[in-house]
Amino acid sequence: RIIVKPRNCLGMCGQGPNCILEPANSKGKNSVERRINSFQKAVALVKKVAETELELPEAVLLRARLKSDAMRLLSGSNVRPEAVIEDMGKATELLSQAIDL
């Protein structure tokens, strides 16, 4: 079983985005996965921690990737104010593609 929840600051922004992996029992130790900065890396992490072989339908992966790419564009606009309008246009296009699937 995989549970995803937001966390407080880990103090490792320069190595982020980061994910804490918490063991299912209290005997294990938490570990931090660093630089989960692409959809492919997020999928690989989910597959790594899944207890069974994970089969994800292509249509689901494509929709999720399009949404992820759109969100990444919009969050990047905070550090590139000159590109906000262009990034919003690209994000809108990606989300429209996801809806049309």
PDB file of N, CA and C in Angstrom:
ATOM      1  N   ARG A   1       0.841  -1.176   0.000  1.00  0.00           N
ATOM      2  CA  ARG A   1       0.000   0.000   0.000  1.00  0.00           C
ATOM      3  C   ARG A   1       0.885   1.237   0.000  1.00  0.00           C
ATOM      4  N   ILE A   2       0.594   2.174  -0.882  1.00  0.00           N
ATOM      5  CA  ILE A   2       1.374   3.407  -0.976  1.00  0.00           C
ATOM      6  C   ILE A   2       0.474   4.567  -0.578  1.00  0.00           C
ATOM      7  N   ILE A   3       0.958   5.391   0.337  1.00  0.00           N
ATOM      8  CA  ILE A   3       0.229   6.580   0.769  1.00  0.00           C
ATOM      9  C   ILE A   3       1.084   7.790   0.435  1.00  0.00           C
ATOM     10  N   VAL A   4       0.487   8.769  -0.196  1.00  0.00           N
ATOM     11  CA  VAL A   4       1.190  10.000  -0.546  1.00  0.00           C
ATOM     12  C   VAL A   4       0.588  11.120   0.281  1.00  0.00           C
ATOM     13  N   LYS A   5       1.451  11.870   0.950  1.00  0.00           N
ATOM     14  CA  LYS A   5       0.965  12.988   1.751  1.00  0.00           C
ATOM     15  C   LYS A   5       2.011  14.099   1.768  1.00  0.00           C
ATOM     16  N   PRO A   6       1.558  15.336   1.899  1.00  0.00           N
ATOM     17  CA  PRO A   6       2.515  16.453   1.940  1.00  0.00           C
ATOM     18  C   PRO A   6       3.298  16.434   3.251  1.00  0.00           C
ATOM     19  N   ARG A   7       4.507  16.951   3.198  1.00  0.00           N
ATOM     20  CA  ARG A   7       5.380  16.996   4.372  1.00  0.00           C
ATOM     21  C   ARG A   7       5.874  18.415   4.583  1.00  0.00           C
ATOM     22  N   ASN A   8       6.408  18.649   5.764  1.00  0.00           N
ATOM     23  CA  ASN A   8       7.039  19.928   6.056  1.00  0.00           C
ATOM     24  C   ASN A   8       8.417  19.966   5.406  1.00  0.00           C
ATOM     25  N   CYS A   9       9.067  21.083   5.543  1.00  0.00           N
ATOM     26  CA  CYS A   9      10.385  21.279   4.957  1.00  0.00           C
ATOM     27  C   CYS A   9      11.370  20.216   5.440  1.00  0.00           C
ATOM     28  N   LEU A  10      12.139  19.689   4.498  1.00  0.00           N
ATOM     29  CA  LEU A  10      13.185  18.718   4.828  1.00  0.00           C
ATOM     30  C   LEU A  10      14.557  19.383   4.907  1.00  0.00           C
ATOM     31  N   GLY A  11      14.613  20.660   4.519  1.00  0.00           N
ATOM     32  CA  GLY A  11      15.884  21.368   4.520  1.00  0.00           C
ATOM     33  C   GLY A  11      16.815  20.927   3.403  1.00  0.00           C
ATOM     34  N   MET A  12      16.239  20.382   2.327  1.00  0.00           N
ATOM     35  CA  MET A  12      17.063  19.881   1.218  1.00  0.00           C
ATOM     36  C   MET A  12      16.560  20.399  -0.128  1.00  0.00           C
ATOM     37  N   CYS A  13      16.088  21.638  -0.160  1.00  0.00           N
ATOM     38  CA  CYS A  13      15.510  22.177  -1.398  1.00  0.00           C
ATOM     39  C   CYS A  13      16.484  22.114  -2.575  1.00  0.00           C
ATOM     40  N   GLY A  14      17.760  22.306  -2.306  1.00  0.00           N
ATOM     41  CA  GLY A  14      18.755  22.280  -3.369  1.00  0.00           C
ATOM     42  C   GLY A  14      18.906  20.911  -4.016  1.00  0.00           C
ATOM     43  N   GLN A  15      18.369  19.876  -3.382  1.00  0.00           N
ATOM     44  CA  GLN A  15      18.455  18.518  -3.906  1.00  0.00           C
ATOM     45  C   GLN A  15      17.078  18.006  -4.344  1.00  0.00           C
ATOM     46  N   GLY A  16      16.082  18.878  -4.338  1.00  0.00           N
ATOM     47  CA  GLY A  16      14.697  18.471  -4.564  1.00  0.00           C
ATOM     48  C   GLY A  16      14.289  18.477  -6.013  1.00  0.00           C
ATOM     49  N   PRO A  17      13.045  18.124  -6.210  1.00  0.00           N
ATOM     50  CA  PRO A  17      12.031  17.716  -5.243  1.00  0.00           C
ATOM     51  C   PRO A  17      12.398  16.403  -4.550  1.00  0.00           C
ATOM     52  N   ASN A  18      11.994  16.319  -3.279  1.00  0.00           N
ATOM     53  CA  ASN A  18      12.352  15.174  -2.444  1.00  0.00           C
ATOM     54  C   ASN A  18      11.111  14.412  -1.985  1.00  0.00           C
ATOM     55  N   CYS A  19      11.276  13.138  -1.712  1.00  0.00           N
ATOM     56  CA  CYS A  19      10.215  12.293  -1.158  1.00  0.00           C
ATOM     57  C   CYS A  19      10.787  11.511   0.004  1.00  0.00           C
ATOM     58  N   ILE A  20      10.022  11.429   1.102  1.00  0.00           N
ATOM     59  CA  ILE A  20      10.414  10.573   2.219  1.00  0.00           C
ATOM     60  C   ILE A  20       9.696   9.248   2.047  1.00  0.00           C
ATOM     61  N   LEU A  21      10.438   8.166   2.132  1.00  0.00           N
ATOM     62  CA  LEU A  21       9.854   6.832   2.118  1.00  0.00           C
ATOM     63  C   LEU A  21       9.823   6.341   3.545  1.00  0.00           C
ATOM     64  N   GLU A  22       8.614   6.095   4.050  1.00  0.00           N
ATOM     65  CA  GLU A  22       8.464   5.608   5.416  1.00  0.00           C
ATOM     66  C   GLU A  22       8.185   4.120   5.366  1.00  0.00           C
ATOM     67  N   PRO A  23       8.868   3.333   6.180  1.00  0.00           N
ATOM     68  CA  PRO A  23       8.628   1.888   6.179  1.00  0.00           C
ATOM     69  C   PRO A  23       7.231   1.568   6.702  1.00  0.00           C
ATOM     70  N   ALA A  24       6.719   0.411   6.306  1.00  0.00           N
ATOM     71  CA  ALA A  24       5.389  -0.014   6.739  1.00  0.00           C
ATOM     72  C   ALA A  24       5.366  -0.370   8.222  1.00  0.00           C
ATOM     73  N   ASN A  25       6.524  -0.721   8.786  1.00  0.00           N
ATOM     74  CA  ASN A  25       6.563  -1.050  10.220  1.00  0.00           C
ATOM     75  C   ASN A  25       7.515  -0.105  10.936  1.00  0.00           C
ATOM     76  N   SER A  26       7.465  -0.103  12.222  1.00  0.00           N
ATOM     77  CA  SER A  26       8.273   0.835  13.004  1.00  0.00           C
ATOM     78  C   SER A  26       9.739   0.420  13.117  1.00  0.00           C
ATOM     79  N   LYS A  27      10.114  -0.756  12.639  1.00  0.00           N
ATOM     80  CA  LYS A  27      11.493  -1.227  12.759  1.00  0.00           C
ATOM     81  C   LYS A  27      12.407  -0.675  11.669  1.00  0.00           C
ATOM     82  N   GLY A  28      11.823  -0.281  10.555  1.00  0.00           N
ATOM     83  CA  GLY A  28      12.624   0.251   9.462  1.00  0.00           C
ATOM     84  C   GLY A  28      12.923   1.722   9.659  1.00  0.00           C
ATOM     85  N   LYS A  29      13.791   2.242   8.823  1.00  0.00           N
ATOM     86  CA  LYS A  29      14.157   3.663   8.889  1.00  0.00           C
ATOM     87  C   LYS A  29      13.613   4.392   7.668  1.00  0.00           C
ATOM     88  N   ASN A  30      13.300   5.670   7.858  1.00  0.00           N
ATOM     89  CA  ASN A  30      12.899   6.507   6.739  1.00  0.00           C
ATOM     90  C   ASN A  30      14.086   6.702   5.805  1.00  0.00           C
ATOM     91  N   SER A  31      13.791   6.831   4.529  1.00  0.00           N
ATOM     92  CA  SER A  31      14.841   7.195   3.586  1.00  0.00           C
ATOM     93  C   SER A  31      14.307   8.321   2.709  1.00  0.00           C
ATOM     94  N   VAL A  32      15.211   9.113   2.195  1.00  0.00           N
ATOM     95  CA  VAL A  32      14.829  10.240   1.347  1.00  0.00           C
ATOM     96  C   VAL A  32      15.300   9.969  -0.072  1.00  0.00           C
ATOM     97  N   GLU A  33      14.374  10.086  -0.997  1.00  0.00           N
ATOM     98  CA  GLU A  33      14.700  10.013  -2.423  1.00  0.00           C
ATOM     99  C   GLU A  33      14.799  11.446  -2.919  1.00  0.00           C
ATOM    100  N   ARG A  34      15.903  11.770  -3.560  1.00  0.00           N
ATOM    101  CA  ARG A  34      16.159  13.143  -3.999  1.00  0.00           C
ATOM    102  C   ARG A  34      16.026  13.268  -5.515  1.00  0.00           C
ATOM    103  N   ARG A  35      15.824  14.506  -5.939  1.00  0.00           N
ATOM    104  CA  ARG A  35      15.775  14.869  -7.362  1.00  0.00           C
ATOM    105  C   ARG A  35      14.699  14.093  -8.139  1.00  0.00           C
ATOM    106  N   ILE A  36      13.515  13.999  -7.561  1.00  0.00           N
ATOM    107  CA  ILE A  36      12.383  13.395  -8.262  1.00  0.00           C
ATOM    108  C   ILE A  36      11.759  14.531  -9.082  1.00  0.00           C
ATOM    109  N   ASN A  37      12.483  14.940 -10.134  1.00  0.00           N
ATOM    110  CA  ASN A  37      12.134  16.147 -10.876  1.00  0.00           C
ATOM    111  C   ASN A  37      11.566  15.890 -12.266  1.00  0.00           C
ATOM    112  N   SER A  38      11.047  14.693 -12.476  1.00  0.00           N
ATOM    113  CA  SER A  38      10.392  14.408 -13.752  1.00  0.00           C
ATOM    114  C   SER A  38       9.319  13.356 -13.523  1.00  0.00           C
ATOM    115  N   PHE A  39       8.396  13.290 -14.441  1.00  0.00           N
ATOM    116  CA  PHE A  39       7.329  12.304 -14.341  1.00  0.00           C
ATOM    117  C   PHE A  39       7.907  10.892 -14.364  1.00  0.00           C
ATOM    118  N   GLN A  40       8.902  10.664 -15.210  1.00  0.00           N
ATOM    119  CA  GLN A  40       9.514   9.343 -15.317  1.00  0.00           C
ATOM    120  C   GLN A  40      10.137   8.917 -13.988  1.00  0.00           C
ATOM    121  N   LYS A  41      10.784   9.850 -13.292  1.00  0.00           N
ATOM    122  CA  LYS A  41      11.395   9.521 -12.002  1.00  0.00           C
ATOM    123  C   LYS A  41      10.330   9.230 -10.948  1.00  0.00           C
ATOM    124  N   ALA A  42       9.208   9.938 -10.998  1.00  0.00           N
ATOM    125  CA  ALA A  42       8.121   9.680 -10.052  1.00  0.00           C
ATOM    126  C   ALA A  42       7.529   8.290 -10.289  1.00  0.00           C
ATOM    127  N   VAL A  43       7.313   7.924 -11.547  1.00  0.00           N
ATOM    128  CA  VAL A  43       6.788   6.593 -11.871  1.00  0.00           C
ATOM    129  C   VAL A  43       7.776   5.514 -11.424  1.00  0.00           C
ATOM    130  N   ALA A  44       9.057   5.733 -11.674  1.00  0.00           N
ATOM    131  CA  ALA A  44      10.074   4.761 -11.267  1.00  0.00           C
ATOM    132  C   ALA A  44      10.081   4.589  -9.748  1.00  0.00           C
ATOM    133  N   LEU A  45       9.897   5.684  -8.999  1.00  0.00           N
ATOM    134  CA  LEU A  45       9.864   5.601  -7.541  1.00  0.00           C
ATOM    135  C   LEU A  45       8.652   4.808  -7.066  1.00  0.00           C
ATOM    136  N   VAL A  46       7.489   5.060  -7.670  1.00  0.00           N
ATOM    137  CA  VAL A  46       6.285   4.315  -7.290  1.00  0.00           C
ATOM    138  C   VAL A  46       6.483   2.829  -7.575  1.00  0.00           C
ATOM    139  N   LYS A  47       7.056   2.511  -8.727  1.00  0.00           N
ATOM    140  CA  LYS A  47       7.314   1.103  -9.060  1.00  0.00           C
ATOM    141  C   LYS A  47       8.307   0.473  -8.082  1.00  0.00           C
ATOM    142  N   LYS A  48       9.272   1.254  -7.635  1.00  0.00           N
ATOM    143  CA  LYS A  48      10.287   0.746  -6.709  1.00  0.00           C
ATOM    144  C   LYS A  48       9.672   0.372  -5.361  1.00  0.00           C
ATOM    145  N   VAL A  49       8.751   1.180  -4.870  1.00  0.00           N
ATOM    146  CA  VAL A  49       8.204   0.928  -3.539  1.00  0.00           C
ATOM    147  C   VAL A  49       6.951   0.044  -3.552  1.00  0.00           C
ATOM    148  N   ALA A  50       6.401  -0.200  -4.724  1.00  0.00           N
ATOM    149  CA  ALA A  50       5.215  -1.064  -4.806  1.00  0.00           C
ATOM    150  C   ALA A  50       5.612  -2.486  -4.408  1.00  0.00           C
ATOM    151  N   GLU A  51       4.749  -3.125  -3.666  1.00  0.00           N
ATOM    152  CA  GLU A  51       5.062  -4.483  -3.197  1.00  0.00           C
ATOM    153  C   GLU A  51       4.790  -5.541  -4.255  1.00  0.00           C
ATOM    154  N   THR A  52       4.091  -5.181  -5.307  1.00  0.00           N
ATOM    155  CA  THR A  52       3.809  -6.105  -6.397  1.00  0.00           C
ATOM    156  C   THR A  52       4.198  -5.433  -7.703  1.00  0.00           C
ATOM    157  N   GLU A  53       4.277  -6.220  -8.752  1.00  0.00           N
ATOM    158  CA  GLU A  53       4.582  -5.659 -10.074  1.00  0.00           C
ATOM    159  C   GLU A  53       3.473  -4.685 -10.451  1.00  0.00           C
ATOM    160  N   LEU A  54       3.847  -3.495 -10.785  1.00  0.00           N
ATOM    161  CA  LEU A  54       2.881  -2.441 -11.068  1.00  0.00           C
ATOM    162  C   LEU A  54       2.627  -2.345 -12.560  1.00  0.00           C
ATOM    163  N   GLU A  55       1.394  -2.526 -12.954  1.00  0.00           N
ATOM    164  CA  GLU A  55       0.994  -2.399 -14.352  1.00  0.00           C
ATOM    165  C   GLU A  55       0.157  -1.139 -14.484  1.00  0.00           C
ATOM    166  N   LEU A  56       0.638  -0.173 -15.221  1.00  0.00           N
ATOM    167  CA  LEU A  56      -0.101   1.065 -15.433  1.00  0.00           C
ATOM    168  C   LEU A  56      -0.492   1.170 -16.903  1.00  0.00           C
ATOM    169  N   PRO A  57      -1.792   1.290 -17.190  1.00  0.00           N
ATOM    170  CA  PRO A  57      -2.223   1.414 -18.583  1.00  0.00           C
ATOM    171  C   PRO A  57      -1.602   2.643 -19.253  1.00  0.00           C
ATOM    172  N   GLU A  58      -1.257   2.503 -20.526  1.00  0.00           N
ATOM    173  CA  GLU A  58      -0.616   3.597 -21.263  1.00  0.00           C
ATOM    174  C   GLU A  58      -1.439   4.878 -21.222  1.00  0.00           C
ATOM    175  N   ALA A  59      -2.766   4.757 -21.374  1.00  0.00           N
ATOM    176  CA  ALA A  59      -3.623   5.955 -21.381  1.00  0.00           C
ATOM    177  C   ALA A  59      -3.552   6.688 -20.044  1.00  0.00           C
ATOM    178  N   VAL A  60      -3.490   5.945 -18.954  1.00  0.00           N
ATOM    179  CA  VAL A  60      -3.386   6.552 -17.622  1.00  0.00           C
ATOM    180  C   VAL A  60      -2.035   7.254 -17.479  1.00  0.00           C
ATOM    181  N   LEU A  61      -0.974   6.593 -17.894  1.00  0.00           N
ATOM    182  CA  LEU A  61       0.364   7.201 -17.830  1.00  0.00           C
ATOM    183  C   LEU A  61       0.454   8.463 -18.679  1.00  0.00           C
ATOM    184  N   LEU A  62      -0.113   8.423 -19.870  1.00  0.00           N
ATOM    185  CA  LEU A  62      -0.052   9.589 -20.751  1.00  0.00           C
ATOM    186  C   LEU A  62      -0.805  10.762 -20.150  1.00  0.00           C
ATOM    187  N   ARG A  63      -2.008  10.523 -19.647  1.00  0.00           N
ATOM    188  CA  ARG A  63      -2.789  11.596 -19.012  1.00  0.00           C
ATOM    189  C   ARG A  63      -2.037  12.178 -17.815  1.00  0.00           C
ATOM    190  N   ALA A  64      -1.496  11.315 -16.992  1.00  0.00           N
ATOM    191  CA  ALA A  64      -0.764  11.765 -15.803  1.00  0.00           C
ATOM    192  C   ALA A  64       0.488  12.547 -16.191  1.00  0.00           C
ATOM    193  N   ARG A  65       1.197  12.091 -17.232  1.00  0.00           N
ATOM    194  CA  ARG A  65       2.397  12.810 -17.675  1.00  0.00           C
ATOM    195  C   ARG A  65       2.052  14.188 -18.202  1.00  0.00           C
ATOM    196  N   LEU A  66       0.978  14.290 -18.979  1.00  0.00           N
ATOM    197  CA  LEU A  66       0.566  15.590 -19.512  1.00  0.00           C
ATOM    198  C   LEU A  66       0.232  16.558 -18.376  1.00  0.00           C
ATOM    199  N   LYS A  67      -0.506  16.071 -17.380  1.00  0.00           N
ATOM    200  CA  LYS A  67      -0.854  16.919 -16.241  1.00  0.00           C
ATOM    201  C   LYS A  67       0.406  17.310 -15.470  1.00  0.00           C
ATOM    202  N   SER A  68       1.295  16.352 -15.248  1.00  0.00           N
ATOM    203  CA  SER A  68       2.543  16.624 -14.539  1.00  0.00           C
ATOM    204  C   SER A  68       3.383  17.666 -15.273  1.00  0.00           C
ATOM    205  N   ASP A  69       3.490  17.517 -16.577  1.00  0.00           N
ATOM    206  CA  ASP A  69       4.269  18.477 -17.368  1.00  0.00           C
ATOM    207  C   ASP A  69       3.653  19.874 -17.295  1.00  0.00           C
ATOM    208  N   ALA A  70       2.317  19.950 -17.318  1.00  0.00           N
ATOM    209  CA  ALA A  70       1.642  21.242 -17.225  1.00  0.00           C
ATOM    210  C   ALA A  70       1.902  21.889 -15.864  1.00  0.00           C
ATOM    211  N   MET A  71       1.793  21.104 -14.814  1.00  0.00           N
ATOM    212  CA  MET A  71       2.028  21.638 -13.467  1.00  0.00           C
ATOM    213  C   MET A  71       3.477  22.091 -13.297  1.00  0.00           C
ATOM    214  N   ARG A  72       4.404  21.342 -13.875  1.00  0.00           N
ATOM    215  CA  ARG A  72       5.819  21.713 -13.795  1.00  0.00           C
ATOM    216  C   ARG A  72       6.071  23.044 -14.516  1.00  0.00           C
ATOM    217  N   LEU A  73       5.424  23.219 -15.669  1.00  0.00           N
ATOM    218  CA  LEU A  73       5.552  24.486 -16.395  1.00  0.00           C
ATOM    219  C   LEU A  73       5.040  25.653 -15.552  1.00  0.00           C
ATOM    220  N   LEU A  74       3.863  25.469 -14.952  1.00  0.00           N
ATOM    221  CA  LEU A  74       3.277  26.553 -14.167  1.00  0.00           C
ATOM    222  C   LEU A  74       4.096  26.864 -12.921  1.00  0.00           C
ATOM    223  N   SER A  75       4.640  25.850 -12.266  1.00  0.00           N
ATOM    224  CA  SER A  75       5.441  26.114 -11.069  1.00  0.00           C
ATOM    225  C   SER A  75       6.766  26.768 -11.436  1.00  0.00           C
ATOM    226  N   GLY A  76       7.284  26.471 -12.614  1.00  0.00           N
ATOM    227  CA  GLY A  76       8.530  27.093 -13.063  1.00  0.00           C
ATOM    228  C   GLY A  76       8.366  28.552 -13.424  1.00  0.00           C
ATOM    229  N   SER A  77       7.136  28.970 -13.676  1.00  0.00           N
ATOM    230  CA  SER A  77       6.884  30.367 -14.028  1.00  0.00           C
ATOM    231  C   SER A  77       7.188  31.308 -12.875  1.00  0.00           C
ATOM    232  N   ASN A  78       7.188  30.788 -11.648  1.00  0.00           N
ATOM    233  CA  ASN A  78       7.513  31.622 -10.488  1.00  0.00           C
ATOM    234  C   ASN A  78       8.932  32.159 -10.561  1.00  0.00           C
ATOM    235  N   VAL A  79       9.834  31.392 -11.140  1.00  0.00           N
ATOM    236  CA  VAL A  79      11.228  31.823 -11.228  1.00  0.00           C
ATOM    237  C   VAL A  79      11.551  32.415 -12.595  1.00  0.00           C
ATOM    238  N   ARG A  80      10.580  32.379 -13.507  1.00  0.00           N
ATOM    239  CA  ARG A  80      10.764  32.962 -14.837  1.00  0.00           C
ATOM    240  C   ARG A  80       9.563  33.839 -15.163  1.00  0.00           C
ATOM    241  N   PRO A  81       9.398  34.959 -14.479  1.00  0.00           N
ATOM    242  CA  PRO A  81       8.203  35.784 -14.685  1.00  0.00           C
ATOM    243  C   PRO A  81       8.013  36.234 -16.127  1.00  0.00           C
ATOM    244  N   GLU A  82       9.099  36.358 -16.858  1.00  0.00           N
ATOM    245  CA  GLU A  82       8.992  36.804 -18.257  1.00  0.00           C
ATOM    246  C   GLU A  82       8.328  35.753 -19.143  1.00  0.00           C
ATOM    247  N   ALA A  83       8.247  34.513 -18.653  1.00  0.00           N
ATOM    248  CA  ALA A  83       7.705  33.417 -19.462  1.00  0.00           C
ATOM    249  C   ALA A  83       6.309  32.969 -19.019  1.00  0.00           C
ATOM    250  N   VAL A  84       5.679  33.710 -18.108  1.00  0.00           N
ATOM    251  CA  VAL A  84       4.396  33.279 -17.550  1.00  0.00           C
ATOM    252  C   VAL A  84       3.345  33.054 -18.632  1.00  0.00           C
ATOM    253  N   ILE A  85       3.164  34.000 -19.523  1.00  0.00           N
ATOM    254  CA  ILE A  85       2.121  33.883 -20.552  1.00  0.00           C
ATOM    255  C   ILE A  85       2.417  32.712 -21.484  1.00  0.00           C
ATOM    256  N   GLU A  86       3.653  32.582 -21.901  1.00  0.00           N
ATOM    257  CA  GLU A  86       4.027  31.469 -22.773  1.00  0.00           C
ATOM    258  C   GLU A  86       3.828  30.124 -22.063  1.00  0.00           C
ATOM    259  N   ASP A  87       4.275  30.040 -20.799  1.00  0.00           N
ATOM    260  CA  ASP A  87       4.128  28.796 -20.044  1.00  0.00           C
ATOM    261  C   ASP A  87       2.664  28.446 -19.799  1.00  0.00           C
ATOM    262  N   MET A  88       1.833  29.457 -19.541  1.00  0.00           N
ATOM    263  CA  MET A  88       0.405  29.203 -19.336  1.00  0.00           C
ATOM    264  C   MET A  88      -0.231  28.665 -20.612  1.00  0.00           C
ATOM    265  N   GLY A  89       0.189  29.191 -21.752  1.00  0.00           N
ATOM    266  CA  GLY A  89      -0.317  28.695 -23.028  1.00  0.00           C
ATOM    267  C   GLY A  89       0.068  27.243 -23.259  1.00  0.00           C
ATOM    268  N   LYS A  90       1.327  26.922 -22.983  1.00  0.00           N
ATOM    269  CA  LYS A  90       1.789  25.537 -23.141  1.00  0.00           C
ATOM    270  C   LYS A  90       1.071  24.605 -22.168  1.00  0.00           C
ATOM    271  N   ALA A  91       0.896  25.059 -20.919  1.00  0.00           N
ATOM    272  CA  ALA A  91       0.219  24.238 -19.912  1.00  0.00           C
ATOM    273  C   ALA A  91      -1.236  23.999 -20.312  1.00  0.00           C
ATOM    274  N   THR A  92      -1.890  25.017 -20.826  1.00  0.00           N
ATOM    275  CA  THR A  92      -3.274  24.874 -21.279  1.00  0.00           C
ATOM    276  C   THR A  92      -3.363  23.854 -22.403  1.00  0.00           C
ATOM    277  N   GLU A  93      -2.411  23.898 -23.314  1.00  0.00           N
ATOM    278  CA  GLU A  93      -2.374  22.934 -24.422  1.00  0.00           C
ATOM    279  C   GLU A  93      -2.195  21.501 -23.902  1.00  0.00           C
ATOM    280  N   LEU A  94      -1.283  21.316 -22.944  1.00  0.00           N
ATOM    281  CA  LEU A  94      -1.064  19.988 -22.379  1.00  0.00           C
ATOM    282  C   LEU A  94      -2.299  19.456 -21.659  1.00  0.00           C
ATOM    283  N   LEU A  95      -2.937  20.328 -20.871  1.00  0.00           N
ATOM    284  CA  LEU A  95      -4.136  19.900 -20.151  1.00  0.00           C
ATOM    285  C   LEU A  95      -5.279  19.601 -21.108  1.00  0.00           C
ATOM    286  N   SER A  96      -5.378  20.360 -22.177  1.00  0.00           N
ATOM    287  CA  SER A  96      -6.410  20.085 -23.189  1.00  0.00           C
ATOM    288  C   SER A  96      -6.180  18.725 -23.847  1.00  0.00           C
ATOM    289  N   GLN A  97      -4.925  18.405 -24.112  1.00  0.00           N
ATOM    290  CA  GLN A  97      -4.609  17.078 -24.677  1.00  0.00           C
ATOM    291  C   GLN A  97      -5.020  15.978 -23.706  1.00  0.00           C
ATOM    292  N   ALA A  98      -4.768  16.182 -22.417  1.00  0.00           N
ATOM    293  CA  ALA A  98      -5.124  15.172 -21.414  1.00  0.00           C
ATOM    294  C   ALA A  98      -6.649  14.980 -21.359  1.00  0.00           C
ATOM    295  N   ILE A  99      -7.364  16.066 -21.434  1.00  0.00           N
ATOM    296  CA  ILE A  99      -8.837  15.995 -21.399  1.00  0.00           C
ATOM    297  C   ILE A  99      -9.372  15.275 -22.631  1.00  0.00           C
ATOM    298  N   ASP A 100      -8.742  15.505 -23.773  1.00  0.00           N
ATOM    299  CA  ASP A 100      -9.214  14.922 -25.034  1.00  0.00           C
ATOM    300  C   ASP A 100      -8.950  13.425 -25.156  1.00  0.00           C
ATOM    301  N   LEU A 101      -8.108  12.876 -24.294  1.00  0.00           N
ATOM    302  CA  LEU A 101      -7.799  11.436 -24.392  1.00  0.00           C
ATOM    303  C   LEU A 101      -9.012  10.579 -24.070  1.00  0.00           C
TER     304      LEU A 101
END
